[in-house]
Amino acid sequence: MKRLSLAVLLLIPLVAGLPARGQDDRSTEILRFECKTDTTRREVTLFGNGTLRVRDGALGNEGMGLLELGPDDLKGYLNRLSLESLKRDRSPERGVEGTWVERCDLRLQLPGKDLQTYQFGHYDPLPLNLSKVVHIAEELGRKIEIVKEKDEIPADYQPEPGDVLKRAGDGALFRIVRFTSDKKGIELRGVVLPLEMYVPKDKVRESFTAVLSKGGFRER
């Protein structure tokens, strides 16, 4: 049985590319609110499975934070967003502009609804309903602590279910689900990408480059 477990772990390249069953909502964006200047960016994204992601900082060097909303919290936010009718709202006329003025993009696609997009500046006057949606997006962003990535995973790092790791090479994010039965490997699922993969416990620092969040695991 132990030989079989080790054989499975050696098949990582084959398993890693397979889609996770029933997890497509991880890549479905419900709300995305992004504001940029020539040098900075802040992005708040809510995914269909309740994952909340924030990126903030200098362009190309943003810090990141992740949070899992519980089913009740997710339902509450979806209900609040659905109350704001944006069908007749248009992107506001451009106001004050400059390299230091943020330009924002808002994308909202509630379940069963068409995608709605809006572009506006930080100082543009917004219609009331659009302003309320922006307020909800900013409220979601304040829930997360931004983590600045380190160059590598610490040598004394001990994997735990719920930890979110950044994969080497493509930067994809994976959450540790559980250990294998022999405790020599770990099962991970993509945070956004619908993928599953297995990695030997002693190869984590070779396969991943950063720990973006610790613990807080709740299996779905």
N, C-alpha and C. Protein backbone atom coordinates (compact mmCIF):
# COMPACT_ATOMS: atom_id res chain seq x y z
N MET A 1 0.83 -1.20 0.00
CA MET A 1 0.00 0.00 0.00
C MET A 1 0.87 1.26 0.00
N LYS A 2 1.97 1.23 0.76
CA LYS A 2 2.88 2.37 0.81
C LYS A 2 3.50 2.61 -0.55
N ARG A 3 3.86 1.49 -1.26
CA ARG A 3 4.44 1.64 -2.59
C ARG A 3 3.45 2.31 -3.53
N LEU A 4 2.18 1.96 -3.41
CA LEU A 4 1.15 2.55 -4.26
C LEU A 4 1.03 4.05 -4.00
N SER A 5 1.07 4.46 -2.72
CA SER A 5 0.97 5.88 -2.38
C SER A 5 2.11 6.67 -2.98
N LEU A 6 3.34 6.09 -2.90
CA LEU A 6 4.50 6.78 -3.46
C LEU A 6 4.39 6.86 -4.97
N ALA A 7 3.83 5.82 -5.59
CA ALA A 7 3.68 5.84 -7.04
C ALA A 7 2.72 6.93 -7.48
N VAL A 8 1.65 7.13 -6.71
CA VAL A 8 0.69 8.18 -7.03
C VAL A 8 1.35 9.54 -6.96
N LEU A 9 2.19 9.75 -5.95
CA LEU A 9 2.85 11.05 -5.79
C LEU A 9 3.79 11.34 -6.94
N LEU A 10 4.35 10.29 -7.55
CA LEU A 10 5.27 10.48 -8.66
C LEU A 10 4.55 10.89 -9.94
N LEU A 11 3.20 10.80 -9.94
CA LEU A 11 2.43 11.13 -11.12
C LEU A 11 1.91 12.57 -11.08
N ILE A 12 2.57 13.42 -10.29
CA ILE A 12 2.13 14.81 -10.12
C ILE A 12 1.91 15.53 -11.45
N PRO A 13 2.84 15.45 -12.43
CA PRO A 13 2.62 16.19 -13.67
C PRO A 13 1.33 15.80 -14.38
N LEU A 14 0.91 14.52 -14.25
CA LEU A 14 -0.30 14.08 -14.92
C LEU A 14 -1.55 14.55 -14.19
N VAL A 15 -1.54 14.44 -12.86
CA VAL A 15 -2.70 14.79 -12.07
C VAL A 15 -2.94 16.28 -12.04
N ALA A 16 -1.86 17.06 -12.02
CA ALA A 16 -1.98 18.51 -11.82
C ALA A 16 -2.78 19.20 -12.90
N GLY A 17 -2.85 18.60 -14.09
CA GLY A 17 -3.56 19.25 -15.17
C GLY A 17 -5.01 18.88 -15.29
N LEU A 18 -5.52 18.03 -14.40
CA LEU A 18 -6.90 17.60 -14.49
C LEU A 18 -7.83 18.56 -13.79
N PRO A 19 -9.01 18.85 -14.35
CA PRO A 19 -9.96 19.75 -13.69
C PRO A 19 -10.57 19.11 -12.47
N ALA A 20 -10.78 19.90 -11.43
CA ALA A 20 -11.42 19.41 -10.22
C ALA A 20 -12.91 19.27 -10.46
N ARG A 21 -13.51 18.20 -9.98
CA ARG A 21 -14.92 17.93 -10.21
C ARG A 21 -15.78 18.92 -9.45
N GLY A 22 -16.73 19.54 -10.18
CA GLY A 22 -17.71 20.40 -9.54
C GLY A 22 -17.16 21.67 -8.91
N GLN A 23 -16.01 22.16 -9.39
CA GLN A 23 -15.39 23.32 -8.75
C GLN A 23 -15.27 24.50 -9.71
N ASP A 24 -16.07 24.51 -10.81
CA ASP A 24 -15.94 25.57 -11.80
C ASP A 24 -16.24 26.95 -11.22
N ASP A 25 -17.02 27.02 -10.14
CA ASP A 25 -17.36 28.32 -9.59
C ASP A 25 -16.16 29.03 -9.00
N ARG A 26 -15.05 28.32 -8.83
CA ARG A 26 -13.83 28.96 -8.32
C ARG A 26 -13.25 29.95 -9.32
N SER A 27 -13.54 29.76 -10.60
CA SER A 27 -13.01 30.67 -11.61
C SER A 27 -14.06 31.65 -12.12
N THR A 28 -15.26 31.62 -11.51
CA THR A 28 -16.34 32.52 -11.91
C THR A 28 -16.28 33.80 -11.09
N GLU A 29 -16.06 34.92 -11.75
CA GLU A 29 -15.99 36.21 -11.07
C GLU A 29 -17.38 36.82 -10.94
N ILE A 30 -17.82 37.00 -9.70
CA ILE A 30 -19.09 37.67 -9.45
C ILE A 30 -18.89 39.19 -9.49
N LEU A 31 -17.87 39.65 -8.82
CA LEU A 31 -17.58 41.09 -8.71
C LEU A 31 -16.09 41.30 -8.84
N ARG A 32 -15.72 42.27 -9.67
CA ARG A 32 -14.31 42.66 -9.78
C ARG A 32 -14.25 44.18 -9.84
N PHE A 33 -13.54 44.76 -8.89
CA PHE A 33 -13.40 46.21 -8.79
C PHE A 33 -11.92 46.53 -8.77
N GLU A 34 -11.46 47.23 -9.81
CA GLU A 34 -10.03 47.50 -9.97
C GLU A 34 -9.80 48.97 -10.23
N CYS A 35 -8.90 49.57 -9.46
CA CYS A 35 -8.54 50.97 -9.64
C CYS A 35 -7.03 51.10 -9.84
N LYS A 36 -6.61 51.87 -10.85
CA LYS A 36 -5.19 51.98 -11.18
C LYS A 36 -4.80 53.43 -11.44
N THR A 37 -3.55 53.72 -11.11
CA THR A 37 -2.88 54.91 -11.61
C THR A 37 -1.77 54.41 -12.53
N ASP A 38 -0.87 55.29 -12.93
CA ASP A 38 0.25 54.84 -13.77
C ASP A 38 1.23 53.96 -12.98
N THR A 39 1.15 54.00 -11.66
CA THR A 39 2.14 53.29 -10.86
C THR A 39 1.55 52.33 -9.83
N THR A 40 0.25 52.39 -9.57
CA THR A 40 -0.33 51.56 -8.51
C THR A 40 -1.60 50.86 -9.00
N ARG A 41 -1.97 49.80 -8.27
CA ARG A 41 -3.20 49.09 -8.60
C ARG A 41 -3.79 48.49 -7.33
N ARG A 42 -5.12 48.55 -7.21
CA ARG A 42 -5.85 47.84 -6.17
C ARG A 42 -7.01 47.12 -6.83
N GLU A 43 -7.12 45.83 -6.53
CA GLU A 43 -8.17 45.01 -7.15
C GLU A 43 -8.86 44.17 -6.09
N VAL A 44 -10.19 44.19 -6.09
CA VAL A 44 -11.00 43.35 -5.21
C VAL A 44 -11.84 42.44 -6.10
N THR A 45 -11.72 41.13 -5.90
CA THR A 45 -12.47 40.17 -6.72
C THR A 45 -13.19 39.18 -5.83
N LEU A 46 -14.47 38.98 -6.08
CA LEU A 46 -15.28 37.98 -5.38
C LEU A 46 -15.64 36.90 -6.37
N PHE A 47 -15.27 35.65 -6.04
CA PHE A 47 -15.54 34.52 -6.91
C PHE A 47 -16.81 33.79 -6.48
N GLY A 48 -17.33 32.98 -7.39
CA GLY A 48 -18.60 32.31 -7.16
C GLY A 48 -18.62 31.34 -6.00
N ASN A 49 -17.46 30.83 -5.60
CA ASN A 49 -17.41 29.87 -4.48
C ASN A 49 -17.21 30.56 -3.13
N GLY A 50 -17.19 31.91 -3.13
CA GLY A 50 -17.01 32.64 -1.88
C GLY A 50 -15.59 33.08 -1.61
N THR A 51 -14.64 32.74 -2.49
CA THR A 51 -13.27 33.21 -2.32
C THR A 51 -13.20 34.71 -2.63
N LEU A 52 -12.56 35.43 -1.75
CA LEU A 52 -12.37 36.87 -1.90
C LEU A 52 -10.88 37.14 -2.01
N ARG A 53 -10.47 37.87 -3.07
CA ARG A 53 -9.06 38.15 -3.30
C ARG A 53 -8.84 39.66 -3.45
N VAL A 54 -7.79 40.14 -2.80
CA VAL A 54 -7.39 41.55 -2.93
C VAL A 54 -5.93 41.61 -3.35
N ARG A 55 -5.64 42.44 -4.34
CA ARG A 55 -4.27 42.76 -4.73
C ARG A 55 -4.10 44.26 -4.58
N ASP A 56 -2.97 44.67 -4.01
CA ASP A 56 -2.79 46.10 -3.75
C ASP A 56 -1.31 46.43 -3.70
N GLY A 57 -0.93 47.53 -4.37
CA GLY A 57 0.46 47.97 -4.30
C GLY A 57 0.95 48.51 -5.62
N ALA A 58 2.27 48.62 -5.75
CA ALA A 58 2.89 49.11 -6.97
C ALA A 58 2.64 48.12 -8.10
N LEU A 59 2.39 48.64 -9.30
CA LEU A 59 2.13 47.78 -10.45
C LEU A 59 3.25 46.76 -10.64
N GLY A 60 2.87 45.49 -10.76
CA GLY A 60 3.84 44.43 -10.95
C GLY A 60 4.45 43.93 -9.67
N ASN A 61 4.16 44.58 -8.55
CA ASN A 61 4.72 44.16 -7.27
C ASN A 61 3.66 44.27 -6.17
N GLU A 62 2.42 43.91 -6.50
CA GLU A 62 1.33 44.04 -5.56
C GLU A 62 1.39 42.96 -4.47
N GLY A 63 0.96 43.34 -3.27
CA GLY A 63 0.73 42.35 -2.24
C GLY A 63 -0.63 41.71 -2.47
N MET A 64 -0.87 40.57 -1.83
CA MET A 64 -2.12 39.86 -2.05
C MET A 64 -2.70 39.37 -0.73
N GLY A 65 -4.02 39.30 -0.67
CA GLY A 65 -4.70 38.72 0.48
C GLY A 65 -5.87 37.88 0.01
N LEU A 66 -6.19 36.82 0.74
CA LEU A 66 -7.29 35.92 0.40
C LEU A 66 -8.15 35.66 1.61
N LEU A 67 -9.45 35.45 1.36
CA LEU A 67 -10.39 35.15 2.44
C LEU A 67 -11.51 34.30 1.87
N GLU A 68 -11.99 33.35 2.67
CA GLU A 68 -13.13 32.53 2.27
C GLU A 68 -14.38 33.01 3.00
N LEU A 69 -15.37 33.48 2.27
CA LEU A 69 -16.64 33.86 2.88
C LEU A 69 -17.46 32.60 3.15
N GLY A 70 -18.12 32.56 4.29
CA GLY A 70 -19.02 31.46 4.58
C GLY A 70 -20.26 31.55 3.71
N PRO A 71 -21.02 30.45 3.60
CA PRO A 71 -22.22 30.45 2.74
C PRO A 71 -23.20 31.56 3.09
N ASP A 72 -23.41 31.82 4.37
CA ASP A 72 -24.36 32.87 4.78
C ASP A 72 -23.84 34.25 4.40
N ASP A 73 -22.53 34.49 4.62
CA ASP A 73 -21.95 35.78 4.24
C ASP A 73 -22.02 36.00 2.74
N LEU A 74 -21.69 34.96 1.97
CA LEU A 74 -21.73 35.06 0.52
C LEU A 74 -23.15 35.37 0.05
N LYS A 75 -24.12 34.65 0.59
CA LYS A 75 -25.52 34.89 0.21
C LYS A 75 -25.94 36.31 0.55
N GLY A 76 -25.50 36.80 1.71
CA GLY A 76 -25.84 38.15 2.11
C GLY A 76 -25.31 39.19 1.15
N TYR A 77 -24.07 39.04 0.71
CA TYR A 77 -23.49 40.00 -0.24
C TYR A 77 -24.16 39.89 -1.60
N LEU A 78 -24.47 38.68 -2.03
CA LEU A 78 -25.15 38.53 -3.32
C LEU A 78 -26.53 39.19 -3.28
N ASN A 79 -27.21 39.04 -2.15
CA ASN A 79 -28.52 39.69 -2.01
C ASN A 79 -28.39 41.21 -2.05
N ARG A 80 -27.40 41.74 -1.34
CA ARG A 80 -27.21 43.19 -1.34
C ARG A 80 -26.89 43.71 -2.75
N LEU A 81 -26.05 42.98 -3.47
CA LEU A 81 -25.70 43.41 -4.82
C LEU A 81 -26.90 43.32 -5.76
N SER A 82 -27.72 42.31 -5.58
CA SER A 82 -28.88 42.13 -6.47
C SER A 82 -29.94 43.21 -6.26
N LEU A 83 -29.91 43.88 -5.11
CA LEU A 83 -30.89 44.94 -4.84
C LEU A 83 -30.60 46.21 -5.63
N GLU A 84 -29.36 46.35 -6.11
CA GLU A 84 -28.97 47.57 -6.82
C GLU A 84 -29.16 47.39 -8.32
N SER A 85 -30.15 48.01 -8.87
CA SER A 85 -30.44 47.92 -10.30
C SER A 85 -29.53 48.87 -11.07
N LEU A 86 -28.63 48.30 -11.87
CA LEU A 86 -27.68 49.12 -12.62
C LEU A 86 -28.00 49.17 -14.11
N LYS A 87 -29.12 48.61 -14.52
CA LYS A 87 -29.41 48.49 -15.95
C LYS A 87 -29.38 49.82 -16.67
N ARG A 88 -29.85 50.88 -16.03
CA ARG A 88 -29.93 52.18 -16.70
C ARG A 88 -28.73 53.07 -16.39
N ASP A 89 -27.85 52.59 -15.50
CA ASP A 89 -26.66 53.39 -15.17
C ASP A 89 -25.61 53.25 -16.26
N ARG A 90 -24.98 54.32 -16.62
CA ARG A 90 -23.89 54.30 -17.58
C ARG A 90 -22.60 54.77 -16.91
N SER A 91 -21.49 54.46 -17.54
CA SER A 91 -20.22 54.94 -17.01
C SER A 91 -20.26 56.46 -16.99
N PRO A 92 -19.91 57.08 -15.87
CA PRO A 92 -19.98 58.55 -15.74
C PRO A 92 -19.06 59.25 -16.73
N GLU A 93 -19.37 60.51 -17.00
CA GLU A 93 -18.48 61.32 -17.83
C GLU A 93 -17.15 61.49 -17.10
N ARG A 94 -16.07 61.60 -17.87
CA ARG A 94 -14.75 61.74 -17.27
C ARG A 94 -14.64 63.06 -16.52
N GLY A 95 -14.08 62.98 -15.30
CA GLY A 95 -13.87 64.18 -14.51
C GLY A 95 -12.39 64.55 -14.52
N VAL A 96 -11.85 64.84 -13.33
CA VAL A 96 -10.43 65.20 -13.21
C VAL A 96 -9.57 64.03 -13.63
N GLU A 97 -8.54 64.29 -14.43
CA GLU A 97 -7.64 63.25 -14.90
C GLU A 97 -6.20 63.64 -14.62
N GLY A 98 -5.32 62.62 -14.61
CA GLY A 98 -3.89 62.83 -14.39
C GLY A 98 -3.23 61.53 -14.02
N THR A 99 -1.91 61.51 -14.05
CA THR A 99 -1.19 60.27 -13.76
C THR A 99 -1.41 59.80 -12.33
N TRP A 100 -1.80 60.73 -11.45
CA TRP A 100 -1.98 60.40 -10.05
C TRP A 100 -3.44 60.09 -9.71
N VAL A 101 -4.35 60.27 -10.67
CA VAL A 101 -5.78 60.04 -10.43
C VAL A 101 -6.15 58.61 -10.82
N GLU A 102 -6.78 57.90 -9.92
CA GLU A 102 -7.17 56.52 -10.18
C GLU A 102 -8.28 56.45 -11.22
N ARG A 103 -8.15 55.49 -12.16
CA ARG A 103 -9.21 55.12 -13.06
C ARG A 103 -9.69 53.73 -12.64
N CYS A 104 -10.99 53.56 -12.56
CA CYS A 104 -11.55 52.32 -11.99
C CYS A 104 -12.40 51.58 -13.02
N ASP A 105 -12.37 50.26 -12.92
CA ASP A 105 -13.22 49.37 -13.71
C ASP A 105 -14.02 48.51 -12.75
N LEU A 106 -15.32 48.45 -12.96
CA LEU A 106 -16.20 47.60 -12.15
C LEU A 106 -16.89 46.61 -13.07
N ARG A 107 -16.78 45.32 -12.72
CA ARG A 107 -17.45 44.25 -13.45
C ARG A 107 -18.33 43.49 -12.48
N LEU A 108 -19.60 43.36 -12.84
CA LEU A 108 -20.55 42.67 -11.96
C LEU A 108 -21.34 41.68 -12.80
N GLN A 109 -21.30 40.42 -12.38
CA GLN A 109 -22.09 39.38 -13.06
C GLN A 109 -22.69 38.46 -12.01
N LEU A 110 -23.88 38.80 -11.57
CA LEU A 110 -24.59 37.99 -10.59
C LEU A 110 -25.11 36.72 -11.24
N PRO A 111 -25.30 35.65 -10.47
CA PRO A 111 -25.79 34.39 -11.03
C PRO A 111 -27.07 34.58 -11.83
N GLY A 112 -27.06 34.09 -13.07
CA GLY A 112 -28.23 34.20 -13.93
C GLY A 112 -28.43 35.56 -14.57
N LYS A 113 -27.50 36.50 -14.36
CA LYS A 113 -27.62 37.85 -14.91
C LYS A 113 -26.52 38.11 -15.94
N ASP A 114 -26.77 39.11 -16.80
CA ASP A 114 -25.77 39.50 -17.78
C ASP A 114 -24.62 40.26 -17.12
N LEU A 115 -23.46 40.19 -17.74
CA LEU A 115 -22.30 40.94 -17.27
C LEU A 115 -22.53 42.43 -17.45
N GLN A 116 -22.21 43.21 -16.42
CA GLN A 116 -22.30 44.67 -16.48
C GLN A 116 -20.93 45.25 -16.17
N THR A 117 -20.50 46.21 -16.98
CA THR A 117 -19.19 46.82 -16.80
C THR A 117 -19.31 48.34 -16.77
N TYR A 118 -18.45 48.97 -15.95
CA TYR A 118 -18.46 50.42 -15.80
C TYR A 118 -17.03 50.90 -15.64
N GLN A 119 -16.73 52.06 -16.22
CA GLN A 119 -15.42 52.69 -16.09
C GLN A 119 -15.63 54.11 -15.58
N PHE A 120 -14.81 54.51 -14.61
CA PHE A 120 -14.96 55.85 -14.04
C PHE A 120 -13.71 56.23 -13.28
N GLY A 121 -13.59 57.51 -12.99
CA GLY A 121 -12.44 58.02 -12.24
C GLY A 121 -12.78 58.20 -10.77
N HIS A 122 -11.73 58.34 -9.99
CA HIS A 122 -11.89 58.45 -8.53
C HIS A 122 -12.77 59.63 -8.15
N TYR A 123 -12.70 60.72 -8.91
CA TYR A 123 -13.44 61.93 -8.56
C TYR A 123 -14.71 62.11 -9.38
N ASP A 124 -15.07 61.13 -10.20
CA ASP A 124 -16.29 61.24 -10.98
C ASP A 124 -17.52 61.07 -10.09
N PRO A 125 -18.55 61.89 -10.28
CA PRO A 125 -19.80 61.70 -9.52
C PRO A 125 -20.51 60.46 -10.04
N LEU A 126 -20.89 59.55 -9.14
CA LEU A 126 -21.49 58.28 -9.54
C LEU A 126 -22.99 58.28 -9.26
N PRO A 127 -23.76 57.62 -10.13
CA PRO A 127 -25.17 57.40 -9.83
C PRO A 127 -25.30 56.65 -8.50
N LEU A 128 -26.41 56.84 -7.80
CA LEU A 128 -26.57 56.29 -6.46
C LEU A 128 -26.38 54.78 -6.42
N ASN A 129 -27.02 54.04 -7.33
CA ASN A 129 -26.93 52.58 -7.28
C ASN A 129 -25.50 52.10 -7.56
N LEU A 130 -24.83 52.74 -8.51
CA LEU A 130 -23.45 52.37 -8.80
C LEU A 130 -22.55 52.69 -7.61
N SER A 131 -22.80 53.81 -6.97
CA SER A 131 -22.04 54.18 -5.78
C SER A 131 -22.20 53.15 -4.67
N LYS A 132 -23.41 52.60 -4.52
CA LYS A 132 -23.65 51.59 -3.50
C LYS A 132 -22.88 50.30 -3.79
N VAL A 133 -22.80 49.92 -5.07
CA VAL A 133 -22.05 48.72 -5.44
C VAL A 133 -20.56 48.92 -5.17
N VAL A 134 -20.05 50.11 -5.50
CA VAL A 134 -18.65 50.42 -5.21
C VAL A 134 -18.40 50.35 -3.70
N HIS A 135 -19.33 50.85 -2.92
CA HIS A 135 -19.20 50.80 -1.46
C HIS A 135 -19.12 49.36 -0.97
N ILE A 136 -19.94 48.47 -1.55
CA ILE A 136 -19.89 47.05 -1.17
C ILE A 136 -18.54 46.44 -1.53
N ALA A 137 -18.03 46.78 -2.72
CA ALA A 137 -16.73 46.27 -3.13
C ALA A 137 -15.63 46.73 -2.19
N GLU A 138 -15.67 48.01 -1.80
CA GLU A 138 -14.67 48.53 -0.87
C GLU A 138 -14.80 47.88 0.51
N GLU A 139 -16.03 47.60 0.92
CA GLU A 139 -16.26 46.92 2.19
C GLU A 139 -15.65 45.52 2.17
N LEU A 140 -15.81 44.81 1.06
CA LEU A 140 -15.21 43.49 0.93
C LEU A 140 -13.69 43.58 1.01
N GLY A 141 -13.12 44.59 0.35
CA GLY A 141 -11.67 44.75 0.35
C GLY A 141 -11.10 44.99 1.73
N ARG A 142 -11.87 45.65 2.60
CA ARG A 142 -11.37 45.94 3.95
C ARG A 142 -11.37 44.71 4.85
N LYS A 143 -11.96 43.62 4.40
CA LYS A 143 -11.99 42.41 5.21
C LYS A 143 -10.66 41.66 5.20
N ILE A 144 -9.77 42.01 4.28
CA ILE A 144 -8.58 41.20 4.03
C ILE A 144 -7.31 41.93 4.42
N GLU A 145 -6.42 41.19 5.05
CA GLU A 145 -5.08 41.70 5.34
C GLU A 145 -4.16 41.37 4.17
N ILE A 146 -3.52 42.39 3.64
CA ILE A 146 -2.62 42.19 2.51
C ILE A 146 -1.32 41.57 2.98
N VAL A 147 -0.88 40.54 2.25
CA VAL A 147 0.37 39.85 2.58
C VAL A 147 1.38 40.13 1.48
N LYS A 148 2.53 40.62 1.89
CA LYS A 148 3.61 40.86 0.93
C LYS A 148 4.42 39.59 0.77
N GLU A 149 4.51 39.11 -0.45
CA GLU A 149 5.19 37.84 -0.69
C GLU A 149 6.68 37.91 -0.39
N LYS A 150 7.20 36.81 0.12
CA LYS A 150 8.63 36.67 0.31
C LYS A 150 9.21 35.91 -0.88
N ASP A 151 10.53 35.93 -1.00
CA ASP A 151 11.16 35.30 -2.15
C ASP A 151 10.99 33.79 -2.16
N GLU A 152 10.87 33.19 -1.00
CA GLU A 152 10.72 31.74 -0.95
C GLU A 152 10.02 31.34 0.35
N ILE A 153 9.54 30.10 0.37
CA ILE A 153 8.89 29.58 1.56
C ILE A 153 9.95 29.35 2.64
N PRO A 154 9.70 29.77 3.86
CA PRO A 154 10.69 29.59 4.94
C PRO A 154 11.10 28.12 5.09
N ALA A 155 12.35 27.91 5.47
CA ALA A 155 12.88 26.54 5.61
C ALA A 155 12.15 25.76 6.70
N ASP A 156 11.61 26.43 7.71
CA ASP A 156 10.93 25.74 8.80
C ASP A 156 9.41 25.66 8.59
N TYR A 157 8.96 25.95 7.38
CA TYR A 157 7.52 25.93 7.11
C TYR A 157 6.94 24.52 7.26
N GLN A 158 5.82 24.41 7.96
CA GLN A 158 5.10 23.16 8.13
C GLN A 158 3.72 23.29 7.48
N PRO A 159 3.45 22.54 6.40
CA PRO A 159 2.16 22.65 5.71
C PRO A 159 1.00 22.29 6.64
N GLU A 160 -0.12 23.02 6.47
CA GLU A 160 -1.33 22.75 7.22
C GLU A 160 -2.53 22.90 6.29
N PRO A 161 -3.59 22.10 6.50
CA PRO A 161 -4.80 22.28 5.70
C PRO A 161 -5.31 23.72 5.81
N GLY A 162 -5.64 24.29 4.67
CA GLY A 162 -6.10 25.67 4.63
C GLY A 162 -5.05 26.65 4.15
N ASP A 163 -3.78 26.30 4.22
CA ASP A 163 -2.73 27.19 3.74
C ASP A 163 -2.89 27.41 2.24
N VAL A 164 -2.67 28.64 1.78
CA VAL A 164 -2.71 28.96 0.36
C VAL A 164 -1.29 29.21 -0.12
N LEU A 165 -0.87 28.48 -1.15
CA LEU A 165 0.50 28.54 -1.67
C LEU A 165 0.50 29.03 -3.11
N LYS A 166 1.57 29.71 -3.48
CA LYS A 166 1.74 30.18 -4.85
C LYS A 166 2.68 29.24 -5.59
N ARG A 167 2.19 28.66 -6.68
CA ARG A 167 2.97 27.66 -7.41
C ARG A 167 4.10 28.29 -8.20
N ALA A 168 5.23 27.63 -8.22
CA ALA A 168 6.38 28.09 -9.00
C ALA A 168 6.05 28.03 -10.48
N GLY A 169 6.60 28.94 -11.24
CA GLY A 169 6.41 28.93 -12.68
C GLY A 169 5.28 29.81 -13.16
N ASP A 170 4.04 29.43 -12.82
CA ASP A 170 2.90 30.18 -13.34
C ASP A 170 2.21 31.06 -12.30
N GLY A 171 2.59 30.95 -11.02
CA GLY A 171 1.99 31.79 -9.98
C GLY A 171 0.59 31.40 -9.58
N ALA A 172 0.09 30.24 -10.05
CA ALA A 172 -1.27 29.81 -9.69
C ALA A 172 -1.36 29.55 -8.19
N LEU A 173 -2.53 29.83 -7.61
CA LEU A 173 -2.73 29.68 -6.17
C LEU A 173 -3.43 28.36 -5.86
N PHE A 174 -2.91 27.65 -4.86
CA PHE A 174 -3.49 26.37 -4.45
C PHE A 174 -3.67 26.35 -2.94
N ARG A 175 -4.78 25.76 -2.50
CA ARG A 175 -5.06 25.61 -1.07
C ARG A 175 -4.85 24.16 -0.67
N ILE A 176 -4.15 23.93 0.45
CA ILE A 176 -3.95 22.58 0.95
C ILE A 176 -5.27 22.05 1.51
N VAL A 177 -5.68 20.89 1.04
CA VAL A 177 -6.94 20.29 1.47
C VAL A 177 -6.72 19.31 2.61
N ARG A 178 -5.79 18.37 2.39
CA ARG A 178 -5.53 17.34 3.41
C ARG A 178 -4.20 16.67 3.11
N PHE A 179 -3.75 15.86 4.07
CA PHE A 179 -2.58 15.02 3.86
C PHE A 179 -3.02 13.68 3.28
N THR A 180 -2.11 13.01 2.55
CA THR A 180 -2.40 11.66 2.08
C THR A 180 -2.42 10.71 3.28
N SER A 181 -2.96 9.52 3.08
CA SER A 181 -3.13 8.57 4.19
C SER A 181 -1.82 8.20 4.86
N ASP A 182 -0.71 8.22 4.10
CA ASP A 182 0.58 7.87 4.69
C ASP A 182 1.32 9.10 5.24
N LYS A 183 0.67 10.28 5.16
CA LYS A 183 1.22 11.53 5.70
C LYS A 183 2.48 12.01 4.98
N LYS A 184 2.79 11.40 3.84
CA LYS A 184 4.00 11.80 3.12
C LYS A 184 3.71 12.78 1.99
N GLY A 185 2.45 13.01 1.69
CA GLY A 185 2.10 13.93 0.62
C GLY A 185 0.92 14.80 1.03
N ILE A 186 0.65 15.82 0.22
CA ILE A 186 -0.47 16.71 0.49
C ILE A 186 -1.32 16.85 -0.77
N GLU A 187 -2.62 16.97 -0.58
CA GLU A 187 -3.56 17.22 -1.67
C GLU A 187 -3.89 18.70 -1.69
N LEU A 188 -3.85 19.30 -2.87
CA LEU A 188 -4.14 20.72 -3.02
C LEU A 188 -5.18 20.94 -4.10
N ARG A 189 -5.97 22.01 -3.94
CA ARG A 189 -6.95 22.40 -4.95
C ARG A 189 -6.70 23.85 -5.34
N GLY A 190 -6.90 24.14 -6.62
CA GLY A 190 -6.73 25.51 -7.09
C GLY A 190 -7.72 26.46 -6.44
N VAL A 191 -7.24 27.64 -6.07
CA VAL A 191 -8.11 28.66 -5.49
C VAL A 191 -9.00 29.25 -6.58
N VAL A 192 -8.43 29.52 -7.74
CA VAL A 192 -9.17 30.08 -8.87
C VAL A 192 -9.28 29.05 -9.99
N LEU A 193 -8.17 28.46 -10.38
CA LEU A 193 -8.19 27.44 -11.43
C LEU A 193 -8.84 26.16 -10.92
N PRO A 194 -9.70 25.50 -11.72
CA PRO A 194 -10.33 24.25 -11.28
C PRO A 194 -9.39 23.06 -11.45
N LEU A 195 -8.34 23.02 -10.64
CA LEU A 195 -7.33 21.97 -10.72
C LEU A 195 -7.11 21.33 -9.36
N GLU A 196 -6.66 20.07 -9.38
CA GLU A 196 -6.22 19.37 -8.18
C GLU A 196 -4.80 18.87 -8.41
N MET A 197 -4.01 18.78 -7.36
CA MET A 197 -2.67 18.23 -7.51
C MET A 197 -2.21 17.63 -6.18
N TYR A 198 -1.25 16.72 -6.27
CA TYR A 198 -0.64 16.09 -5.11
C TYR A 198 0.86 16.38 -5.15
N VAL A 199 1.41 16.69 -4.00
CA VAL A 199 2.84 17.00 -3.89
C VAL A 199 3.41 16.29 -2.68
N PRO A 200 4.59 15.65 -2.82
CA PRO A 200 5.24 15.07 -1.63
C PRO A 200 5.48 16.17 -0.60
N LYS A 201 5.30 15.87 0.66
CA LYS A 201 5.43 16.86 1.72
C LYS A 201 6.80 17.50 1.73
N ASP A 202 7.84 16.72 1.42
CA ASP A 202 9.19 17.27 1.46
C ASP A 202 9.58 18.00 0.17
N LYS A 203 8.63 18.14 -0.78
CA LYS A 203 8.91 18.84 -2.04
C LYS A 203 8.13 20.15 -2.16
N VAL A 204 7.47 20.56 -1.08
CA VAL A 204 6.65 21.76 -1.13
C VAL A 204 7.47 22.99 -1.51
N ARG A 205 8.65 23.15 -0.91
CA ARG A 205 9.46 24.34 -1.17
C ARG A 205 10.03 24.35 -2.58
N GLU A 206 10.05 23.19 -3.26
CA GLU A 206 10.50 23.14 -4.64
C GLU A 206 9.36 23.46 -5.61
N SER A 207 8.12 23.15 -5.20
CA SER A 207 6.97 23.32 -6.09
C SER A 207 6.28 24.66 -5.93
N PHE A 208 6.48 25.33 -4.77
CA PHE A 208 5.79 26.58 -4.49
C PHE A 208 6.78 27.64 -4.00
N THR A 209 6.42 28.91 -4.21
CA THR A 209 7.36 29.99 -3.92
C THR A 209 6.94 30.89 -2.76
N ALA A 210 5.68 30.81 -2.33
CA ALA A 210 5.23 31.70 -1.27
C ALA A 210 4.01 31.13 -0.57
N VAL A 211 3.88 31.45 0.73
CA VAL A 211 2.69 31.14 1.51
C VAL A 211 1.89 32.43 1.63
N LEU A 212 0.69 32.47 1.04
CA LEU A 212 -0.09 33.69 1.00
C LEU A 212 -1.08 33.81 2.14
N SER A 213 -1.50 32.72 2.72
CA SER A 213 -2.35 32.76 3.90
C SER A 213 -2.24 31.43 4.64
N LYS A 214 -2.52 31.48 5.93
CA LYS A 214 -2.37 30.29 6.79
C LYS A 214 -3.72 29.87 7.34
N GLY A 215 -3.96 28.54 7.30
CA GLY A 215 -5.12 27.95 7.98
C GLY A 215 -6.46 28.46 7.50
N GLY A 216 -7.43 28.37 8.39
CA GLY A 216 -8.78 28.83 8.08
C GLY A 216 -9.51 27.94 7.11
N PHE A 217 -9.13 26.64 7.06
CA PHE A 217 -9.72 25.76 6.05
C PHE A 217 -11.15 25.36 6.42
N ARG A 218 -12.01 25.40 5.41
CA ARG A 218 -13.37 24.90 5.56
C ARG A 218 -13.73 24.17 4.28
N GLU A 219 -13.82 22.84 4.32
CA GLU A 219 -14.05 22.09 3.09
C GLU A 219 -15.47 22.31 2.58
N ARG A 220 -15.58 22.38 1.26
CA ARG A 220 -16.89 22.65 0.63
C ARG A 220 -17.44 21.38 0.04
